C-alpha atoms as a PDB file:
ATOM      1  CA  MET A   1      87.793 -49.703  62.222  1.00  0.00           C
ATOM      2  CA  GLU A   2      84.681 -51.810  62.833  1.00  0.00           C
ATOM      3  CA  VAL A   3      82.222 -51.911  59.950  1.00  0.00           C
ATOM      4  CA  LYS A   4      78.648 -50.984  60.801  1.00  0.00           C
ATOM      5  CA  ARG A   5      76.316 -53.354  58.982  1.00  0.00           C
ATOM      6  CA  LYS A   6      72.569 -53.687  58.631  1.00  0.00           C
ATOM      7  CA  TYR A   7      70.950 -56.786  60.093  1.00  0.00           C
ATOM      8  CA  VAL A   8      67.372 -57.998  59.835  1.00  0.00           C
ATOM      9  CA  ILE A   9      66.445 -60.773  62.257  1.00  0.00           C
ATOM     10  CA  PHE A  10      63.594 -62.936  60.964  1.00  0.00           C
ATOM     11  CA  SER A  11      61.519 -63.976  63.952  1.00  0.00           C
ATOM     12  CA  GLY A  12      58.091 -64.815  65.276  1.00  0.00           C
ATOM     13  CA  PRO A  13      56.584 -62.852  68.179  1.00  0.00           C
ATOM     14  CA  GLN A  14      59.040 -62.492  71.019  1.00  0.00           C
ATOM     15  CA  TYR A  15      57.527 -64.888  73.521  1.00  0.00           C
ATOM     16  CA  VAL A  16      56.279 -67.732  71.363  1.00  0.00           C
ATOM     17  CA  SER A  17      59.340 -69.829  72.241  1.00  0.00           C
ATOM     18  CA  GLY A  18      62.838 -69.719  73.661  1.00  0.00           C
ATOM     19  CA  GLY A  19      64.112 -69.494  70.079  1.00  0.00           C
ATOM     20  CA  THR A  20      62.238 -66.282  69.324  1.00  0.00           C
ATOM     21  CA  LEU A  21      63.455 -64.844  72.613  1.00  0.00           C
ATOM     22  CA  ALA A  22      67.036 -65.625  71.522  1.00  0.00           C
ATOM     23  CA  LEU A  23      66.448 -63.899  68.161  1.00  0.00           C
ATOM     24  CA  HIS A  24      65.173 -60.759  69.875  1.00  0.00           C
ATOM     25  CA  LEU A  25      68.107 -60.847  72.273  1.00  0.00           C
ATOM     26  CA  LEU A  26      70.514 -61.016  69.317  1.00  0.00           C
ATOM     27  CA  CYS A  27      68.824 -57.952  67.817  1.00  0.00           C
ATOM     28  CA  ARG A  28      69.182 -55.974  71.032  1.00  0.00           C
ATOM     29  CA  LEU A  29      72.824 -56.964  71.562  1.00  0.00           C
ATOM     30  CA  LEU A  30      73.754 -56.111  67.968  1.00  0.00           C
ATOM     31  CA  ASN A  31      72.338 -52.614  68.449  1.00  0.00           C
ATOM     32  CA  GLU A  32      74.232 -52.270  71.722  1.00  0.00           C
ATOM     33  CA  LYS A  33      77.397 -53.070  69.743  1.00  0.00           C
ATOM     34  CA  GLY A  34      76.716 -50.182  67.360  1.00  0.00           C
ATOM     35  CA  GLN A  35      75.183 -52.227  64.529  1.00  0.00           C
ATOM     36  CA  ASP A  36      71.897 -51.440  62.756  1.00  0.00           C
ATOM     37  CA  ALA A  37      69.615 -54.369  63.622  1.00  0.00           C
ATOM     38  CA  LYS A  38      65.831 -54.760  63.315  1.00  0.00           C
ATOM     39  CA  ILE A  39      63.314 -57.534  63.867  1.00  0.00           C
ATOM     40  CA  PHE A  40      61.173 -58.623  60.930  1.00  0.00           C
ATOM     41  CA  LEU A  41      58.131 -60.083  62.657  1.00  0.00           C
ATOM     42  CA  SER A  42      56.528 -62.976  60.807  1.00  0.00           C
ATOM     43  CA  ARG A  43      54.059 -65.700  61.711  1.00  0.00           C
ATOM     44  CA  THR A  44      54.942 -67.743  58.619  1.00  0.00           C
ATOM     45  CA  SER A  45      58.240 -69.451  57.776  1.00  0.00           C
ATOM     46  CA  ASN A  46      57.384 -70.551  54.229  1.00  0.00           C
ATOM     47  CA  GLY A  47      59.813 -68.989  51.793  1.00  0.00           C
ATOM     48  CA  GLU A  48      59.641 -71.294  48.780  1.00  0.00           C
ATOM     49  CA  SER A  49      57.121 -69.079  46.966  1.00  0.00           C
ATOM     50  CA  ARG A  50      57.538 -65.309  47.118  1.00  0.00           C
ATOM     51  CA  LEU A  51      53.843 -64.620  46.514  1.00  0.00           C
ATOM     52  CA  ARG A  52      52.762 -67.267  49.012  1.00  0.00           C
ATOM     53  CA  PHE A  53      55.089 -65.844  51.647  1.00  0.00           C
ATOM     54  CA  ILE A  54      53.895 -62.238  51.189  1.00  0.00           C
ATOM     55  CA  LEU A  55      50.237 -63.269  51.322  1.00  0.00           C
ATOM     56  CA  GLY A  56      50.883 -65.356  54.429  1.00  0.00           C
ATOM     57  CA  TRP A  57      52.844 -62.525  56.012  1.00  0.00           C
ATOM     58  CA  LEU A  58      50.103 -59.984  55.303  1.00  0.00           C
ATOM     59  CA  LEU A  59      47.420 -62.282  56.667  1.00  0.00           C
ATOM     60  CA  LEU A  60      48.963 -64.038  59.666  1.00  0.00           C
ATOM     61  CA  THR A  61      51.412 -61.465  60.986  1.00  0.00           C
ATOM     62  CA  ASN A  62      49.185 -58.442  60.730  1.00  0.00           C
ATOM     63  CA  ILE A  63      46.143 -60.252  62.103  1.00  0.00           C
ATOM     64  CA  TYR A  64      48.368 -61.176  65.046  1.00  0.00           C
ATOM     65  CA  ARG A  65      49.405 -57.537  65.500  1.00  0.00           C
ATOM     66  CA  LEU A  66      45.759 -56.385  65.428  1.00  0.00           C
ATOM     67  CA  LYS A  67      44.713 -59.118  67.833  1.00  0.00           C
ATOM     68  CA  ARG A  68      47.503 -58.177  70.224  1.00  0.00           C
ATOM     69  CA  CYS A  69      46.519 -54.490  70.003  1.00  0.00           C
ATOM     70  CA  PHE A  70      42.802 -55.115  70.635  1.00  0.00           C
ATOM     71  CA  TYR A  71      43.631 -57.602  73.373  1.00  0.00           C
ATOM     72  CA  GLY A  72      45.684 -54.965  75.191  1.00  0.00           C
ATOM     73  CA  VAL A  73      42.994 -52.293  74.843  1.00  0.00           C
ATOM     74  CA  PHE A  74      40.116 -54.478  76.030  1.00  0.00           C
ATOM     75  CA  ARG A  75      42.129 -56.021  78.835  1.00  0.00           C
ATOM     76  CA  ASN A  76      43.003 -52.560  80.154  1.00  0.00           C
ATOM     77  CA  PHE A  77      39.280 -51.845  80.427  1.00  0.00           C
ATOM     78  CA  GLY A  78      38.698 -55.169  82.174  1.00  0.00           C
ATOM     79  CA  PHE A  79      36.525 -56.677  79.428  1.00  0.00           C
ATOM     80  CA  ILE A  80      38.661 -59.806  78.975  1.00  0.00           C
ATOM     81  CA  LYS A  81      41.090 -61.812  81.031  1.00  0.00           C
ATOM     82  CA  ARG A  82      44.596 -62.801  80.046  1.00  0.00           C
ATOM     83  CA  SER A  83      44.516 -65.306  77.190  1.00  0.00           C
ATOM     84  CA  ARG A  84      46.667 -68.431  77.040  1.00  0.00           C
ATOM     85  CA  MET A  85      47.888 -67.146  73.679  1.00  0.00           C
ATOM     86  CA  PHE A  86      49.657 -64.311  75.477  1.00  0.00           C
ATOM     87  CA  ARG A  87      50.921 -66.270  78.468  1.00  0.00           C
ATOM     88  CA  HIS A  88      54.579 -65.526  77.657  1.00  0.00           C
ATOM     89  CA  TYR A  89      54.016 -61.778  78.070  1.00  0.00           C
ATOM     90  CA  ASP A  90      54.719 -62.229  81.751  1.00  0.00           C
ATOM     91  CA  ARG A  91      58.397 -62.027  80.823  1.00  0.00           C
ATOM     92  CA  GLU A  92      60.320 -58.783  80.732  1.00  0.00           C
ATOM     93  CA  PRO A  93      60.192 -57.442  77.146  1.00  0.00           C
ATOM     94  CA  LEU A  94      63.276 -57.019  74.986  1.00  0.00           C
ATOM     95  CA  LYS A  95      62.599 -53.802  73.155  1.00  0.00           C
ATOM     96  CA  CYS A  96      63.885 -54.012  69.592  1.00  0.00           C
ATOM     97  CA  PRO A  97      63.218 -51.857  66.522  1.00  0.00           C
ATOM     98  CA  GLU A  98      61.029 -53.602  63.948  1.00  0.00           C
ATOM     99  CA  LYS A  99      61.113 -53.716  60.163  1.00  0.00           C
ATOM    100  CA  TYR A 100      57.632 -53.658  58.633  1.00  0.00           C
ATOM    101  CA  LEU A 101      58.148 -54.328  54.910  1.00  0.00           C
ATOM    102  CA  PRO A 102      59.500 -57.579  53.404  1.00  0.00           C
ATOM    103  CA  ILE A 103      62.167 -55.765  51.363  1.00  0.00           C
ATOM    104  CA  VAL A 104      65.890 -55.659  52.184  1.00  0.00           C
ATOM    105  CA  SER A 105      68.865 -54.015  50.499  1.00  0.00           C
ATOM    106  CA  ASP A 106      71.658 -56.064  48.931  1.00  0.00           C
ATOM    107  CA  ASP A 107      74.079 -55.232  51.750  1.00  0.00           C
ATOM    108  CA  THR A 108      71.696 -56.256  54.553  1.00  0.00           C
ATOM    109  CA  ILE A 109      72.472 -59.466  56.433  1.00  0.00           C
ATOM    110  CA  VAL A 110      69.289 -61.417  57.148  1.00  0.00           C
ATOM    111  CA  VAL A 111      69.421 -63.865  60.052  1.00  0.00           C
ATOM    112  CA  TYR A 112      67.050 -66.825  59.759  1.00  0.00           C
ATOM    113  CA  PRO A 113      66.485 -69.536  62.357  1.00  0.00           C
ATOM    114  CA  GLU A 114      66.793 -73.073  61.013  1.00  0.00           C
ATOM    115  CA  VAL A 115      62.992 -73.533  60.798  1.00  0.00           C
ATOM    116  CA  VAL A 116      62.600 -70.984  57.979  1.00  0.00           C
ATOM    117  CA  ARG A 117      62.244 -72.543  54.536  1.00  0.00           C
ATOM    118  CA  GLY A 118      64.296 -71.019  51.775  1.00  0.00           C
ATOM    119  CA  ASN A 119      64.916 -67.268  51.736  1.00  0.00           C
ATOM    120  CA  PRO A 120      61.564 -65.443  52.191  1.00  0.00           C
ATOM    121  CA  LEU A 121      63.096 -61.944  52.070  1.00  0.00           C
ATOM    122  CA  LYS A 122      65.231 -62.841  49.025  1.00  0.00           C
ATOM    123  CA  ALA A 123      68.313 -61.485  50.770  1.00  0.00           C
ATOM    124  CA  LYS A 124      71.727 -61.507  49.083  1.00  0.00           C
ATOM    125  CA  ARG A 125      73.411 -62.142  52.446  1.00  0.00           C
ATOM    126  CA  VAL A 126      71.981 -64.836  54.704  1.00  0.00           C
ATOM    127  CA  ALA A 127      73.118 -66.101  58.088  1.00  0.00           C
ATOM    128  CA  ARG A 128      71.407 -69.254  59.424  1.00  0.00           C
ATOM    129  CA  TRP A 129      71.224 -69.796  63.157  1.00  0.00           C
ATOM    130  CA  PHE A 130      70.602 -73.376  64.263  1.00  0.00           C
ATOM    131  CA  LEU A 131      68.526 -72.893  67.407  1.00  0.00           C
ATOM    132  CA  ASN A 132      67.785 -76.607  67.253  1.00  0.00           C
ATOM    133  CA  LYS A 133      68.867 -79.477  65.044  1.00  0.00           C
ATOM    134  CA  PRO A 134      67.964 -78.643  61.420  1.00  0.00           C
ATOM    135  CA  GLY A 135      64.780 -80.492  60.509  1.00  0.00           C
ATOM    136  CA  PHE A 136      63.799 -81.270  64.112  1.00  0.00           C
ATOM    137  CA  PHE A 137      60.562 -79.242  64.060  1.00  0.00           C
ATOM    138  CA  ASN A 138      59.430 -79.202  60.445  1.00  0.00           C
ATOM    139  CA  GLY A 139      61.879 -81.292  58.399  1.00  0.00           C
ATOM    140  CA  ASN A 140      63.258 -78.146  56.759  1.00  0.00           C
ATOM    141  CA  VAL A 141      66.857 -78.434  55.588  1.00  0.00           C
ATOM    142  CA  ARG A 142      66.586 -76.199  52.524  1.00  0.00           C
ATOM    143  CA  PHE A 143      69.311 -73.570  52.756  1.00  0.00           C
ATOM    144  CA  GLY A 144      71.292 -71.443  50.307  1.00  0.00           C
ATOM    145  CA  ASP A 145      74.690 -72.366  48.879  1.00  0.00           C
ATOM    146  CA  ASN A 146      76.331 -69.164  50.160  1.00  0.00           C
ATOM    147  CA  ASP A 147      74.633 -69.001  53.555  1.00  0.00           C
ATOM    148  CA  LEU A 148      76.797 -68.472  56.634  1.00  0.00           C
ATOM    149  CA  PHE A 149      75.912 -70.931  59.408  1.00  0.00           C
ATOM    150  CA  PHE A 150      75.979 -70.658  63.188  1.00  0.00           C
ATOM    151  CA  ALA A 151      74.784 -73.071  65.871  1.00  0.00           C
ATOM    152  CA  TYR A 152      73.382 -72.141  69.255  1.00  0.00           C
ATOM    153  CA  ASP A 153      75.027 -75.245  70.682  1.00  0.00           C
ATOM    154  CA  ALA A 154      77.386 -77.865  69.239  1.00  0.00           C
ATOM    155  CA  ARG A 155      74.652 -80.476  69.694  1.00  0.00           C
ATOM    156  CA  PHE A 156      72.500 -78.589  67.177  1.00  0.00           C
ATOM    157  CA  ASN A 157      75.226 -78.216  64.568  1.00  0.00           C
ATOM    158  CA  ASP A 158      75.180 -79.776  61.112  1.00  0.00           C
ATOM    159  CA  TYR A 159      78.876 -80.334  60.414  1.00  0.00           C
ATOM    160  CA  SER A 160      78.291 -80.777  56.685  1.00  0.00           C
ATOM    161  CA  LEU A 161      77.089 -77.156  56.575  1.00  0.00           C
ATOM    162  CA  ASN A 162      79.096 -75.653  59.434  1.00  0.00           C
ATOM    163  CA  PRO A 163      82.320 -77.704  59.632  1.00  0.00           C
ATOM    164  CA  GLU A 164      84.043 -75.031  61.749  1.00  0.00           C
ATOM    165  CA  CYS A 165      81.134 -75.274  64.220  1.00  0.00           C
ATOM    166  CA  ARG A 166      80.683 -71.510  64.531  1.00  0.00           C
ATOM    167  CA  LEU A 167      78.728 -70.956  67.706  1.00  0.00           C
ATOM    168  CA  LEU A 168      76.382 -68.171  68.750  1.00  0.00           C
ATOM    169  CA  LYS A 169      75.113 -68.979  72.224  1.00  0.00           C
ATOM    170  CA  LEU A 170      73.172 -66.229  73.973  1.00  0.00           C
ATOM    171  CA  THR A 171      71.472 -66.478  77.347  1.00  0.00           C
ATOM    172  CA  TYR A 172      68.717 -64.238  78.665  1.00  0.00           C
ATOM    173  CA  VAL A 173      68.038 -64.137  82.396  1.00  0.00           C
ATOM    174  CA  ASP A 174      64.797 -62.573  83.621  1.00  0.00           C
ATOM    175  CA  LYS A 175      65.610 -61.888  87.271  1.00  0.00           C
ATOM    176  CA  ALA A 176      61.950 -61.175  88.005  1.00  0.00           C
ATOM    177  CA  LEU A 177      61.115 -64.824  87.328  1.00  0.00           C
ATOM    178  CA  CYS A 178      64.417 -66.573  88.082  1.00  0.00           C
ATOM    179  CA  ARG A 179      64.391 -66.128  91.830  1.00  0.00           C
ATOM    180  CA  GLN A 180      63.708 -68.242  94.891  1.00  0.00           C
ATOM    181  CA  GLU A 181      61.160 -66.979  97.400  1.00  0.00           C
ATOM    182  CA  ASN A 182      60.348 -70.179  99.290  1.00  0.00           C
ATOM    183  CA  PHE A 183      63.246 -71.291 101.507  1.00  0.00           C
ATOM    184  CA  GLY A 184      61.037 -73.456 103.718  1.00  0.00           C
ATOM    185  CA  ARG A 185      59.030 -76.631 103.307  1.00  0.00           C
ATOM    186  CA  ARG A 186      58.336 -77.957  99.799  1.00  0.00           C
ATOM    187  CA  ASN A 187      56.148 -80.822  98.614  1.00  0.00           C
ATOM    188  CA  GLY A 188      55.374 -82.746  95.452  1.00  0.00           C
ATOM    189  CA  ASN A 189      56.494 -82.819  91.835  1.00  0.00           C
ATOM    190  CA  CYS A 190      55.900 -80.700  88.777  1.00  0.00           C
ATOM    191  CA  TYR A 191      56.641 -81.686  85.188  1.00  0.00           C
ATOM    192  CA  ILE A 192      57.875 -80.258  81.887  1.00  0.00           C
ATOM    193  CA  ILE A 193      57.095 -82.038  78.586  1.00  0.00           C
ATOM    194  CA  ARG A 194      57.337 -79.455  75.768  1.00  0.00           C
ATOM    195  CA  LYS A 195      59.706 -80.805  73.064  1.00  0.00           C
ATOM    196  CA  GLY A 196      59.648 -84.219  74.713  1.00  0.00           C
ATOM    197  CA  LYS A 197      55.987 -84.809  73.820  1.00  0.00           C
ATOM    198  CA  ASN A 198      56.849 -87.650  71.419  1.00  0.00           C
ATOM    199  CA  ARG A 199      59.113 -89.536  73.804  1.00  0.00           C
ATOM    200  CA  LYS A 200      58.172 -93.163  74.392  1.00  0.00           C
ATOM    201  CA  ASP A 201      59.170 -93.078  78.045  1.00  0.00           C
ATOM    202  CA  LEU A 202      56.555 -90.471  79.040  1.00  0.00           C
ATOM    203  CA  PRO A 203      54.440 -91.683  81.979  1.00  0.00           C
ATOM    204  CA  ASP A 204      50.732 -92.279  81.392  1.00  0.00           C
ATOM    205  CA  THR A 205      49.766 -90.027  84.301  1.00  0.00           C
ATOM    206  CA  PHE A 206      51.475 -87.303  86.317  1.00  0.00           C
ATOM    207  CA  ASP A 207      51.231 -86.833  90.071  1.00  0.00           C
ATOM    208  CA  GLY A 208      51.718 -83.080  89.835  1.00  0.00           C
ATOM    209  CA  PRO A 209      51.102 -80.102  87.525  1.00  0.00           C
ATOM    210  CA  VAL A 210      52.519 -79.980  83.976  1.00  0.00           C
ATOM    211  CA  ILE A 211      53.676 -76.403  83.426  1.00  0.00           C
ATOM    212  CA  ASP A 212      53.692 -76.429  79.599  1.00  0.00           C
ATOM    213  CA  ASN A 213      50.538 -74.345  79.059  1.00  0.00           C
ATOM    214  CA  LEU A 214      50.713 -72.110  82.100  1.00  0.00           C
ATOM    215  CA  GLN A 215      51.537 -68.416  82.274  1.00  0.00           C
ATOM    216  CA  ASP A 216      55.071 -67.745  83.464  1.00  0.00           C
ATOM    217  CA  SER A 217      53.780 -66.145  86.655  1.00  0.00           C
ATOM    218  CA  GLU A 218      51.898 -69.376  87.472  1.00  0.00           C
ATOM    219  CA  THR A 219      54.979 -71.431  86.628  1.00  0.00           C
ATOM    220  CA  PHE A 220      57.060 -69.280  88.975  1.00  0.00           C
ATOM    221  CA  LEU A 221      54.659 -70.009  91.844  1.00  0.00           C
ATOM    222  CA  ILE A 222      54.754 -73.757  91.151  1.00  0.00           C
ATOM    223  CA  PHE A 223      58.561 -73.772  91.003  1.00  0.00           C
ATOM    224  CA  ASN A 224      58.588 -72.081  94.405  1.00  0.00           C
ATOM    225  CA  ARG A 225      56.163 -74.624  95.856  1.00  0.00           C
ATOM    226  CA  CYS A 226      57.291 -78.034  94.541  1.00  0.00           C
ATOM    227  CA  LYS A 227      60.286 -80.014  95.753  1.00  0.00           C
ATOM    228  CA  TYR A 228      61.079 -81.670  92.406  1.00  0.00           C
ATOM    229  CA  CYS A 229      60.756 -80.573  88.783  1.00  0.00           C
ATOM    230  CA  ILE A 230      61.034 -83.421  86.276  1.00  0.00           C
ATOM    231  CA  SER A 231      61.606 -82.449  82.646  1.00  0.00           C
ATOM    232  CA  TYR A 232      61.272 -84.640  79.546  1.00  0.00           C
ATOM    233  CA  ASP A 233      62.509 -81.777  77.380  1.00  0.00           C
ATOM    234  CA  VAL A 234      66.295 -81.961  77.588  1.00  0.00           C
ATOM    235  CA  MET A 235      66.910 -78.460  76.182  1.00  0.00           C
ATOM    236  CA  THR A 236      64.433 -76.149  77.873  1.00  0.00           C
ATOM    237  CA  TRP A 237      65.161 -73.009  79.834  1.00  0.00           C
ATOM    238  CA  TYR A 238      62.390 -73.951  82.261  1.00  0.00           C
ATOM    239  CA  SER A 239      64.514 -76.691  83.853  1.00  0.00           C
ATOM    240  CA  ILE A 240      67.100 -74.016  84.690  1.00  0.00           C
ATOM    241  CA  MET A 241      64.393 -71.651  85.928  1.00  0.00           C
ATOM    242  CA  ALA A 242      63.082 -74.451  88.190  1.00  0.00           C
ATOM    243  CA  ALA A 243      66.530 -74.940  89.725  1.00  0.00           C
ATOM    244  CA  ILE A 244      67.017 -71.216  90.365  1.00  0.00           C
ATOM    245  CA  CYS A 245      63.562 -71.075  91.998  1.00  0.00           C
ATOM    246  CA  GLY A 246      64.598 -73.799  94.452  1.00  0.00           C
ATOM    247  CA  CYS A 247      63.277 -77.018  92.865  1.00  0.00           C
ATOM    248  CA  ILE A 248      65.498 -80.057  92.584  1.00  0.00           C
ATOM    249  CA  SER A 249      65.544 -80.042  88.782  1.00  0.00           C
ATOM    250  CA  ILE A 250      65.745 -83.464  87.133  1.00  0.00           C
ATOM    251  CA  VAL A 251      66.179 -83.711  83.346  1.00  0.00           C
ATOM    252  CA  MET A 252      65.297 -87.179  82.090  1.00  0.00           C
ATOM    253  CA  LEU A 253      67.898 -87.792  79.391  1.00  0.00           C
ATOM    254  CA  PRO A 254      67.063 -90.357  76.718  1.00  0.00           C
ATOM    255  CA  GLY A 255      69.617 -93.045  75.989  1.00  0.00           C
ATOM    256  CA  ASP A 256      73.333 -92.692  76.592  1.00  0.00           C
ATOM    257  CA  GLN A 257      74.295 -89.747  78.817  1.00  0.00           C
ATOM    258  CA  ASP A 258      77.802 -89.531  77.329  1.00  0.00           C
ATOM    259  CA  LYS A 259      76.558 -87.393  74.430  1.00  0.00           C
ATOM    260  CA  TRP A 260      75.434 -84.643  76.816  1.00  0.00           C
ATOM    261  CA  MET A 261      77.529 -81.891  78.343  1.00  0.00           C
ATOM    262  CA  ASN A 262      79.417 -82.627  81.535  1.00  0.00           C
ATOM    263  CA  ASP A 263      78.771 -79.143  82.940  1.00  0.00           C
ATOM    264  CA  TYR A 264      75.076 -79.752  83.546  1.00  0.00           C
ATOM    265  CA  TYR A 265      75.217 -77.466  86.562  1.00  0.00           C
ATOM    266  CA  GLY A 266      72.299 -77.296  88.979  1.00  0.00           C
ATOM    267  CA  ARG A 267      70.358 -80.139  87.353  1.00  0.00           C
ATOM    268  CA  ALA A 268      70.242 -83.896  87.695  1.00  0.00           C
ATOM    269  CA  ARG A 269      70.539 -86.000  84.536  1.00  0.00           C
ATOM    270  CA  ALA A 270      68.494 -88.855  85.993  1.00  0.00           C
ATOM    271  CA  ASN A 271      66.320 -89.511  89.020  1.00  0.00           C
ATOM    272  CA  THR A 272      69.113 -91.086  91.060  1.00  0.00           C
ATOM    273  CA  ARG A 273      70.686 -90.174  94.382  1.00  0.00           C
ATOM    274  CA  GLU A 274      74.075 -89.433  92.800  1.00  0.00           C
ATOM    275  CA  GLU A 275      72.594 -87.133  90.166  1.00  0.00           C
ATOM    276  CA  ILE A 276      70.393 -85.316  92.687  1.00  0.00           C
ATOM    277  CA  GLU A 277      73.468 -84.737  94.886  1.00  0.00           C
ATOM    278  CA  HIS A 278      75.225 -83.400  91.776  1.00  0.00           C
ATOM    279  CA  ALA A 279      72.332 -80.974  91.103  1.00  0.00           C
ATOM    280  CA  ILE A 280      72.384 -79.641  94.663  1.00  0.00           C
ATOM    281  CA  SER A 281      76.164 -79.329  94.921  1.00  0.00           C
ATOM    282  CA  THR A 282      76.571 -77.561  91.545  1.00  0.00           C
ATOM    283  CA  LEU A 283      73.646 -75.136  91.925  1.00  0.00           C
ATOM    284  CA  PRO A 284      75.989 -72.328  93.128  1.00  0.00           C
ATOM    285  CA  LEU A 285      77.971 -72.755  89.890  1.00  0.00           C
ATOM    286  CA  LEU A 286      74.768 -72.346  87.861  1.00  0.00           C
ATOM    287  CA  ARG A 287      73.818 -69.215  89.805  1.00  0.00           C
ATOM    288  CA  ARG A 288      77.293 -67.725  89.349  1.00  0.00           C
ATOM    289  CA  HIS A 289      77.199 -68.432  85.625  1.00  0.00           C
ATOM    290  CA  LEU A 290      73.746 -66.900  85.095  1.00  0.00           C
ATOM    291  CA  PHE A 291      74.107 -63.796  87.227  1.00  0.00           C
ATOM    292  CA  SER A 292      77.835 -63.026  86.910  1.00  0.00           C
ATOM    293  CA  GLU A 293      79.240 -64.562  83.732  1.00  0.00           C
ATOM    294  CA  VAL A 294      76.385 -64.389  81.200  1.00  0.00           C
ATOM    295  CA  PRO A 295      76.719 -60.651  80.334  1.00  0.00           C
ATOM    296  CA  ASN A 296      80.382 -61.111  79.416  1.00  0.00           C
ATOM    297  CA  SER A 297      79.786 -64.347  77.499  1.00  0.00           C
ATOM    298  CA  ASN A 298      76.915 -62.751  75.547  1.00  0.00           C
ATOM    299  CA  ALA A 299      79.082 -59.778  74.599  1.00  0.00           C
ATOM    300  CA  TYR A 300      81.923 -62.068  73.486  1.00  0.00           C
ATOM    301  CA  ALA A 301      79.549 -64.247  71.421  1.00  0.00           C
ATOM    302  CA  VAL A 302      78.034 -61.264  69.594  1.00  0.00           C
ATOM    303  CA  GLU A 303      81.473 -59.767  68.892  1.00  0.00           C
ATOM    304  CA  ASN A 304      82.527 -63.090  67.317  1.00  0.00           C
ATOM    305  CA  PHE A 305      79.304 -63.176  65.295  1.00  0.00           C
ATOM    306  CA  ILE A 306      79.902 -59.654  63.936  1.00  0.00           C
ATOM    307  CA  LYS A 307      83.521 -60.504  63.071  1.00  0.00           C
ATOM    308  CA  ALA A 308      82.539 -63.732  61.310  1.00  0.00           C
ATOM    309  CA  CYS A 309      79.940 -61.881  59.226  1.00  0.00           C
ATOM    310  CA  ASN A 310      82.403 -59.106  58.362  1.00  0.00           C
ATOM    311  CA  ASP A 311      85.137 -61.558  57.362  1.00  0.00           C
ATOM    312  CA  TYR A 312      82.812 -63.759  55.325  1.00  0.00           C
ATOM    313  CA  TRP A 313      81.127 -61.082  53.247  1.00  0.00           C
ATOM    314  CA  THR A 314      84.314 -59.075  52.836  1.00  0.00           C
ATOM    315  CA  SER A 315      85.991 -62.164  51.373  1.00  0.00           C
ATOM    316  CA  LEU A 316      83.054 -62.804  49.011  1.00  0.00           C
ATOM    317  CA  SER A 317      83.129 -59.235  47.707  1.00  0.00           C
ATOM    318  CA  ARG A 318      86.786 -59.393  46.674  1.00  0.00           C
END
């Protein structure tokens, strides 16, 4: 008999990044599997001081909620236009129940992304999800001794903390944005920088639009207009979205390519003829994976996550 557990997923607003989207997707899938999962929305990740965290949570998170509420009201009346702050709201929402107070019971499993410092909710049961390499964004590598670790991808794993390399890889496909409408003539380049902003091989100028600060609806139009999309962020969903929208998607890998996955379907790993031919020839495999295989792989990943949590905390309670 499967144990029904309580989960609280510690996350920022849903569309701030691909990581927060993944956290909301985990919440939804856990509920679909019969678990009790809620999102704890927070704009602060500082958990080293309980008082500091609560004050930051009260200030930043609830100001954000009020701003979002007033923004929606005034925009409906036509007083203001869409703000860049809310550009990600073009995406289809993942509706998840929310938890509003920073208090959890002893049997609740709290899931933190790797960017969260310490244990802000003071949970007895903590699962850490490496959505990027620990320390990549803020240098934070302060975790608990009894935390249970998962990695979104093996490249993000810290084997000293997660020697078994437990994986939790979830993919969300918004079919409203991941679609090709232009099957005719295309011209020019567009660019993605995002997490590659500190790379030393960035060009001084770009001969096409950089999509980093655009609304998703604008990005969709650019991906359906340009012939090439060149990304300096090697782990962004937008390079996949570009390929599905009909761009030849080129991901500029730094250094040795051997450390990257071989199944880089639908994308080129360098701006060379061979890699571009690879991107074009493997695009059907990318489409099949996203639109046919992802639902099953997501379900399998969440089932493994639930089992790992059950096994781990059952063994600790003996």
